[in-house]
Amino acid sequence: MIKVNIDKVLLDRQITSKMLAAEIGITPANLSILKTGKAKGIRFATLSRICKVLACQPGDILEYVDEPGNDD
């Protein structure tokens, strides 16, 4: 499973979700879908914009978490 840690990075950078959404050009609703892990995927262009605005690496906001019993 991929865990999305955008909230943690936003808190560290003292940036609101609304500010990030405006900066990267997506709706707050779509950012919320991504943050809650309900998104099926993310475009590299969107990931690049997030990393640029938050001055981070993709690994700072995306984390692989092994789920016991899940052979996906």
PDB file of N, CA and C in Angstrom:
ATOM      1  N   MET A   1       0.846  -1.174   0.000  1.00  0.00           N
ATOM      2  CA  MET A   1       0.000   0.000   0.000  1.00  0.00           C
ATOM      3  C   MET A   1       0.893   1.238   0.000  1.00  0.00           C
ATOM      4  N   ILE A   2       0.463   2.249  -0.722  1.00  0.00           N
ATOM      5  CA  ILE A   2       1.172   3.521  -0.744  1.00  0.00           C
ATOM      6  C   ILE A   2       0.474   4.486   0.206  1.00  0.00           C
ATOM      7  N   LYS A   3       1.224   5.012   1.140  1.00  0.00           N
ATOM      8  CA  LYS A   3       0.715   5.982   2.109  1.00  0.00           C
ATOM      9  C   LYS A   3       1.130   7.378   1.650  1.00  0.00           C
ATOM     10  N   VAL A   4       0.211   8.316   1.692  1.00  0.00           N
ATOM     11  CA  VAL A   4       0.478   9.691   1.269  1.00  0.00           C
ATOM     12  C   VAL A   4       0.694  10.546   2.516  1.00  0.00           C
ATOM     13  N   ASN A   5       1.865  11.168   2.588  1.00  0.00           N
ATOM     14  CA  ASN A   5       2.244  11.972   3.767  1.00  0.00           C
ATOM     15  C   ASN A   5       2.259  13.472   3.491  1.00  0.00           C
ATOM     16  N   ILE A   6       1.389  13.925   2.601  1.00  0.00           N
ATOM     17  CA  ILE A   6       1.385  15.355   2.266  1.00  0.00           C
ATOM     18  C   ILE A   6       1.065  16.203   3.497  1.00  0.00           C
ATOM     19  N   ASP A   7       0.135  15.762   4.330  1.00  0.00           N
ATOM     20  CA  ASP A   7      -0.230  16.545   5.521  1.00  0.00           C
ATOM     21  C   ASP A   7       0.980  16.810   6.415  1.00  0.00           C
ATOM     22  N   LYS A   8       1.825  15.808   6.578  1.00  0.00           N
ATOM     23  CA  LYS A   8       3.018  15.961   7.416  1.00  0.00           C
ATOM     24  C   LYS A   8       3.958  17.018   6.839  1.00  0.00           C
ATOM     25  N   VAL A   9       4.165  16.967   5.523  1.00  0.00           N
ATOM     26  CA  VAL A   9       5.055  17.936   4.877  1.00  0.00           C
ATOM     27  C   VAL A   9       4.427  19.329   4.909  1.00  0.00           C
ATOM     28  N   LEU A  10       3.125  19.414   4.696  1.00  0.00           N
ATOM     29  CA  LEU A  10       2.446  20.715   4.782  1.00  0.00           C
ATOM     30  C   LEU A  10       2.626  21.328   6.165  1.00  0.00           C
ATOM     31  N   LEU A  11       2.476  20.514   7.195  1.00  0.00           N
ATOM     32  CA  LEU A  11       2.640  20.997   8.562  1.00  0.00           C
ATOM     33  C   LEU A  11       4.073  21.483   8.793  1.00  0.00           C
ATOM     34  N   ASP A  12       5.044  20.708   8.326  1.00  0.00           N
ATOM     35  CA  ASP A  12       6.447  21.092   8.475  1.00  0.00           C
ATOM     36  C   ASP A  12       6.751  22.416   7.780  1.00  0.00           C
ATOM     37  N   ARG A  13       6.098  22.636   6.620  1.00  0.00           N
ATOM     38  CA  ARG A  13       6.363  23.846   5.812  1.00  0.00           C
ATOM     39  C   ARG A  13       5.425  24.995   6.167  1.00  0.00           C
ATOM     40  N   GLN A  14       4.467  24.732   7.048  1.00  0.00           N
ATOM     41  CA  GLN A  14       3.460  25.718   7.454  1.00  0.00           C
ATOM     42  C   GLN A  14       2.695  26.264   6.248  1.00  0.00           C
ATOM     43  N   ILE A  15       2.247  25.327   5.411  1.00  0.00           N
ATOM     44  CA  ILE A  15       1.456  25.664   4.237  1.00  0.00           C
ATOM     45  C   ILE A  15       0.114  24.943   4.368  1.00  0.00           C
ATOM     46  N   THR A  16      -0.973  25.623   4.012  1.00  0.00           N
ATOM     47  CA  THR A  16      -2.282  24.996   4.078  1.00  0.00           C
ATOM     48  C   THR A  16      -2.554  24.199   2.802  1.00  0.00           C
ATOM     49  N   SER A  17      -3.479  23.272   2.898  1.00  0.00           N
ATOM     50  CA  SER A  17      -3.893  22.492   1.727  1.00  0.00           C
ATOM     51  C   SER A  17      -4.429  23.405   0.642  1.00  0.00           C
ATOM     52  N   LYS A  18      -5.195  24.398   1.050  1.00  0.00           N
ATOM     53  CA  LYS A  18      -5.775  25.344   0.096  1.00  0.00           C
ATOM     54  C   LYS A  18      -4.679  26.105  -0.653  1.00  0.00           C
ATOM     55  N   MET A  19      -3.642  26.524   0.061  1.00  0.00           N
ATOM     56  CA  MET A  19      -2.523  27.225  -0.572  1.00  0.00           C
ATOM     57  C   MET A  19      -1.795  26.305  -1.555  1.00  0.00           C
ATOM     58  N   LEU A  20      -1.553  25.057  -1.156  1.00  0.00           N
ATOM     59  CA  LEU A  20      -0.869  24.107  -2.029  1.00  0.00           C
ATOM     60  C   LEU A  20      -1.688  23.850  -3.283  1.00  0.00           C
ATOM     61  N   ALA A  21      -2.980  23.621  -3.125  1.00  0.00           N
ATOM     62  CA  ALA A  21      -3.848  23.368  -4.282  1.00  0.00           C
ATOM     63  C   ALA A  21      -3.781  24.528  -5.273  1.00  0.00           C
ATOM     64  N   ALA A  22      -3.826  25.749  -4.770  1.00  0.00           N
ATOM     65  CA  ALA A  22      -3.753  26.926  -5.642  1.00  0.00           C
ATOM     66  C   ALA A  22      -2.406  26.999  -6.352  1.00  0.00           C
ATOM     67  N   GLU A  23      -1.339  26.714  -5.629  1.00  0.00           N
ATOM     68  CA  GLU A  23       0.012  26.789  -6.200  1.00  0.00           C
ATOM     69  C   GLU A  23       0.261  25.746  -7.287  1.00  0.00           C
ATOM     70  N   ILE A  24      -0.310  24.561  -7.124  1.00  0.00           N
ATOM     71  CA  ILE A  24      -0.045  23.490  -8.093  1.00  0.00           C
ATOM     72  C   ILE A  24      -1.123  23.382  -9.161  1.00  0.00           C
ATOM     73  N   GLY A  25      -2.196  24.163  -9.030  1.00  0.00           N
ATOM     74  CA  GLY A  25      -3.208  24.220 -10.068  1.00  0.00           C
ATOM     75  C   GLY A  25      -4.213  23.083 -10.069  1.00  0.00           C
ATOM     76  N   ILE A  26      -4.543  22.555  -8.889  1.00  0.00           N
ATOM     77  CA  ILE A  26      -5.619  21.568  -8.794  1.00  0.00           C
ATOM     78  C   ILE A  26      -6.642  22.060  -7.776  1.00  0.00           C
ATOM     79  N   THR A  27      -7.809  21.458  -7.793  1.00  0.00           N
ATOM     80  CA  THR A  27      -8.841  21.879  -6.850  1.00  0.00           C
ATOM     81  C   THR A  27      -8.537  21.335  -5.456  1.00  0.00           C
ATOM     82  N   PRO A  28      -8.985  22.041  -4.431  1.00  0.00           N
ATOM     83  CA  PRO A  28      -8.819  21.510  -3.075  1.00  0.00           C
ATOM     84  C   PRO A  28      -9.457  20.129  -2.921  1.00  0.00           C
ATOM     85  N   ALA A  29     -10.555  19.881  -3.622  1.00  0.00           N
ATOM     86  CA  ALA A  29     -11.206  18.569  -3.550  1.00  0.00           C
ATOM     87  C   ALA A  29     -10.308  17.473  -4.104  1.00  0.00           C
ATOM     88  N   ASN A  30      -9.643  17.742  -5.239  1.00  0.00           N
ATOM     89  CA  ASN A  30      -8.734  16.744  -5.812  1.00  0.00           C
ATOM     90  C   ASN A  30      -7.505  16.530  -4.927  1.00  0.00           C
ATOM     91  N   LEU A  31      -7.014  17.581  -4.301  1.00  0.00           N
ATOM     92  CA  LEU A  31      -5.896  17.433  -3.376  1.00  0.00           C
ATOM     93  C   LEU A  31      -6.328  16.590  -2.182  1.00  0.00           C
ATOM     94  N   SER A  32      -7.542  16.790  -1.706  1.00  0.00           N
ATOM     95  CA  SER A  32      -8.067  16.011  -0.590  1.00  0.00           C
ATOM     96  C   SER A  32      -8.135  14.527  -0.952  1.00  0.00           C
ATOM     97  N   ILE A  33      -8.576  14.222  -2.162  1.00  0.00           N
ATOM     98  CA  ILE A  33      -8.636  12.829  -2.625  1.00  0.00           C
ATOM     99  C   ILE A  33      -7.243  12.214  -2.606  1.00  0.00           C
ATOM    100  N   LEU A  34      -6.262  12.973  -3.052  1.00  0.00           N
ATOM    101  CA  LEU A  34      -4.885  12.486  -3.043  1.00  0.00           C
ATOM    102  C   LEU A  34      -4.388  12.287  -1.613  1.00  0.00           C
ATOM    103  N   LYS A  35      -4.633  13.250  -0.736  1.00  0.00           N
ATOM    104  CA  LYS A  35      -4.144  13.189   0.646  1.00  0.00           C
ATOM    105  C   LYS A  35      -4.730  12.023   1.430  1.00  0.00           C
ATOM    106  N   THR A  36      -5.976  11.683   1.139  1.00  0.00           N
ATOM    107  CA  THR A  36      -6.621  10.613   1.883  1.00  0.00           C
ATOM    108  C   THR A  36      -6.316   9.227   1.324  1.00  0.00           C
ATOM    109  N   GLY A  37      -5.551   9.184   0.242  1.00  0.00           N
ATOM    110  CA  GLY A  37      -5.183   7.903  -0.347  1.00  0.00           C
ATOM    111  C   GLY A  37      -6.264   7.288  -1.209  1.00  0.00           C
ATOM    112  N   LYS A  38      -7.285   8.058  -1.551  1.00  0.00           N
ATOM    113  CA  LYS A  38      -8.380   7.535  -2.373  1.00  0.00           C
ATOM    114  C   LYS A  38      -8.104   7.652  -3.866  1.00  0.00           C
ATOM    115  N   ALA A  39      -7.039   8.367  -4.229  1.00  0.00           N
ATOM    116  CA  ALA A  39      -6.688   8.515  -5.649  1.00  0.00           C
ATOM    117  C   ALA A  39      -6.129   7.209  -6.191  1.00  0.00           C
ATOM    118  N   LYS A  40      -6.455   6.906  -7.421  1.00  0.00           N
ATOM    119  CA  LYS A  40      -5.954   5.693  -8.080  1.00  0.00           C
ATOM    120  C   LYS A  40      -4.548   5.910  -8.626  1.00  0.00           C
ATOM    121  N   GLY A  41      -4.165   7.163  -8.816  1.00  0.00           N
ATOM    122  CA  GLY A  41      -2.843   7.467  -9.358  1.00  0.00           C
ATOM    123  C   GLY A  41      -2.582   8.964  -9.270  1.00  0.00           C
ATOM    124  N   ILE A  42      -1.379   9.346  -9.674  1.00  0.00           N
ATOM    125  CA  ILE A  42      -0.993  10.756  -9.697  1.00  0.00           C
ATOM    126  C   ILE A  42      -0.117  10.975 -10.920  1.00  0.00           C
ATOM    127  N   ARG A  43      -0.353  12.044 -11.625  1.00  0.00           N
ATOM    128  CA  ARG A  43       0.468  12.382 -12.785  1.00  0.00           C
ATOM    129  C   ARG A  43       1.832  12.862 -12.304  1.00  0.00           C
ATOM    130  N   PHE A  44       2.860  12.507 -13.072  1.00  0.00           N
ATOM    131  CA  PHE A  44       4.207  12.966 -12.723  1.00  0.00           C
ATOM    132  C   PHE A  44       4.277  14.488 -12.710  1.00  0.00           C
ATOM    133  N   ALA A  45       3.537  15.145 -13.592  1.00  0.00           N
ATOM    134  CA  ALA A  45       3.545  16.609 -13.623  1.00  0.00           C
ATOM    135  C   ALA A  45       2.998  17.171 -12.315  1.00  0.00           C
ATOM    136  N   THR A  46       1.935  16.565 -11.792  1.00  0.00           N
ATOM    137  CA  THR A  46       1.368  17.015 -10.517  1.00  0.00           C
ATOM    138  C   THR A  46       2.332  16.736  -9.380  1.00  0.00           C
ATOM    139  N   LEU A  47       2.926  15.551  -9.377  1.00  0.00           N
ATOM    140  CA  LEU A  47       3.906  15.202  -8.348  1.00  0.00           C
ATOM    141  C   LEU A  47       5.091  16.163  -8.388  1.00  0.00           C
ATOM    142  N   SER A  48       5.539  16.511  -9.583  1.00  0.00           N
ATOM    143  CA  SER A  48       6.653  17.455  -9.729  1.00  0.00           C
ATOM    144  C   SER A  48       6.303  18.822  -9.157  1.00  0.00           C
ATOM    145  N   ARG A  49       5.082  19.290  -9.449  1.00  0.00           N
ATOM    146  CA  ARG A  49       4.664  20.599  -8.928  1.00  0.00           C
ATOM    147  C   ARG A  49       4.562  20.579  -7.404  1.00  0.00           C
ATOM    148  N   ILE A  50       4.034  19.493  -6.855  1.00  0.00           N
ATOM    149  CA  ILE A  50       3.947  19.369  -5.392  1.00  0.00           C
ATOM    150  C   ILE A  50       5.344  19.435  -4.784  1.00  0.00           C
ATOM    151  N   CYS A  51       6.263  18.667  -5.348  1.00  0.00           N
ATOM    152  CA  CYS A  51       7.635  18.645  -4.821  1.00  0.00           C
ATOM    153  C   CYS A  51       8.311  20.006  -4.950  1.00  0.00           C
ATOM    154  N   LYS A  52       8.057  20.698  -6.049  1.00  0.00           N
ATOM    155  CA  LYS A  52       8.659  22.026  -6.236  1.00  0.00           C
ATOM    156  C   LYS A  52       8.142  23.006  -5.188  1.00  0.00           C
ATOM    157  N   VAL A  53       6.815  23.040  -5.010  1.00  0.00           N
ATOM    158  CA  VAL A  53       6.215  23.981  -4.056  1.00  0.00           C
ATOM    159  C   VAL A  53       6.629  23.653  -2.617  1.00  0.00           C
ATOM    160  N   LEU A  54       6.673  22.367  -2.286  1.00  0.00           N
ATOM    161  CA  LEU A  54       7.004  21.966  -0.914  1.00  0.00           C
ATOM    162  C   LEU A  54       8.505  21.779  -0.684  1.00  0.00           C
ATOM    163  N   ALA A  55       9.290  21.964  -1.745  1.00  0.00           N
ATOM    164  CA  ALA A  55      10.750  21.793  -1.664  1.00  0.00           C
ATOM    165  C   ALA A  55      11.086  20.440  -1.028  1.00  0.00           C
ATOM    166  N   CYS A  56      10.542  19.385  -1.639  1.00  0.00           N
ATOM    167  CA  CYS A  56      10.750  18.043  -1.100  1.00  0.00           C
ATOM    168  C   CYS A  56      10.991  17.050  -2.237  1.00  0.00           C
ATOM    169  N   GLN A  57      11.236  15.819  -1.875  1.00  0.00           N
ATOM    170  CA  GLN A  57      11.400  14.727  -2.819  1.00  0.00           C
ATOM    171  C   GLN A  57      10.128  13.874  -2.814  1.00  0.00           C
ATOM    172  N   PRO A  58       9.857  13.140  -3.904  1.00  0.00           N
ATOM    173  CA  PRO A  58       8.669  12.278  -3.919  1.00  0.00           C
ATOM    174  C   PRO A  58       8.607  11.328  -2.723  1.00  0.00           C
ATOM    175  N   GLY A  59       9.744  10.830  -2.281  1.00  0.00           N
ATOM    176  CA  GLY A  59       9.782   9.928  -1.131  1.00  0.00           C
ATOM    177  C   GLY A  59       9.395  10.586   0.183  1.00  0.00           C
ATOM    178  N   ASP A  60       9.390  11.918   0.209  1.00  0.00           N
ATOM    179  CA  ASP A  60       8.946  12.624   1.413  1.00  0.00           C
ATOM    180  C   ASP A  60       7.432  12.597   1.554  1.00  0.00           C
ATOM    181  N   ILE A  61       6.732  12.455   0.428  1.00  0.00           N
ATOM    182  CA  ILE A  61       5.273  12.491   0.489  1.00  0.00           C
ATOM    183  C   ILE A  61       4.616  11.159   0.161  1.00  0.00           C
ATOM    184  N   LEU A  62       5.361  10.237  -0.452  1.00  0.00           N
ATOM    185  CA  LEU A  62       4.829   8.912  -0.766  1.00  0.00           C
ATOM    186  C   LEU A  62       5.661   7.851  -0.062  1.00  0.00           C
ATOM    187  N   GLU A  63       4.991   6.925   0.583  1.00  0.00           N
ATOM    188  CA  GLU A  63       5.679   5.891   1.366  1.00  0.00           C
ATOM    189  C   GLU A  63       5.028   4.536   1.113  1.00  0.00           C
ATOM    190  N   TYR A  64       5.838   3.521   0.877  1.00  0.00           N
ATOM    191  CA  TYR A  64       5.320   2.163   0.733  1.00  0.00           C
ATOM    192  C   TYR A  64       5.218   1.533   2.109  1.00  0.00           C
ATOM    193  N   VAL A  65       4.027   0.991   2.421  1.00  0.00           N
ATOM    194  CA  VAL A  65       3.801   0.315   3.689  1.00  0.00           C
ATOM    195  C   VAL A  65       3.310  -1.091   3.370  1.00  0.00           C
ATOM    196  N   ASP A  66       4.049  -2.092   3.823  1.00  0.00           N
ATOM    197  CA  ASP A  66       3.671  -3.479   3.587  1.00  0.00           C
ATOM    198  C   ASP A  66       2.499  -3.832   4.468  1.00  0.00           C
ATOM    199  N   GLU A  67       1.492  -4.439   3.865  1.00  0.00           N
ATOM    200  CA  GLU A  67       0.329  -4.891   4.617  1.00  0.00           C
ATOM    201  C   GLU A  67       0.396  -6.406   4.756  1.00  0.00           C
ATOM    202  N   PRO A  68       0.444  -6.915   5.981  1.00  0.00           N
ATOM    203  CA  PRO A  68       0.470  -8.370   6.175  1.00  0.00           C
ATOM    204  C   PRO A  68      -0.724  -9.046   5.495  1.00  0.00           C
ATOM    205  N   GLY A  69      -0.447 -10.117   4.781  1.00  0.00           N
ATOM    206  CA  GLY A  69      -1.500 -10.864   4.121  1.00  0.00           C
ATOM    207  C   GLY A  69      -1.904 -10.305   2.777  1.00  0.00           C
ATOM    208  N   ASN A  70      -1.284  -9.212   2.349  1.00  0.00           N
ATOM    209  CA  ASN A  70      -1.603  -8.620   1.060  1.00  0.00           C
ATOM    210  C   ASN A  70      -0.511  -8.975   0.069  1.00  0.00           C
ATOM    211  N   ASP A  71      -0.837  -9.792  -0.919  1.00  0.00           N
ATOM    212  CA  ASP A  71       0.150 -10.228  -1.893  1.00  0.00           C
ATOM    213  C   ASP A  71       0.100  -9.436  -3.188  1.00  0.00           C
ATOM    214  N   ASP A  72      -0.403  -8.208  -3.153  1.00  0.00           N
ATOM    215  CA  ASP A  72      -0.480  -7.365  -4.367  1.00  0.00           C
ATOM    216  C   ASP A  72       0.895  -6.943  -4.815  1.00  0.00           C
TER     217      ASP A  72
END
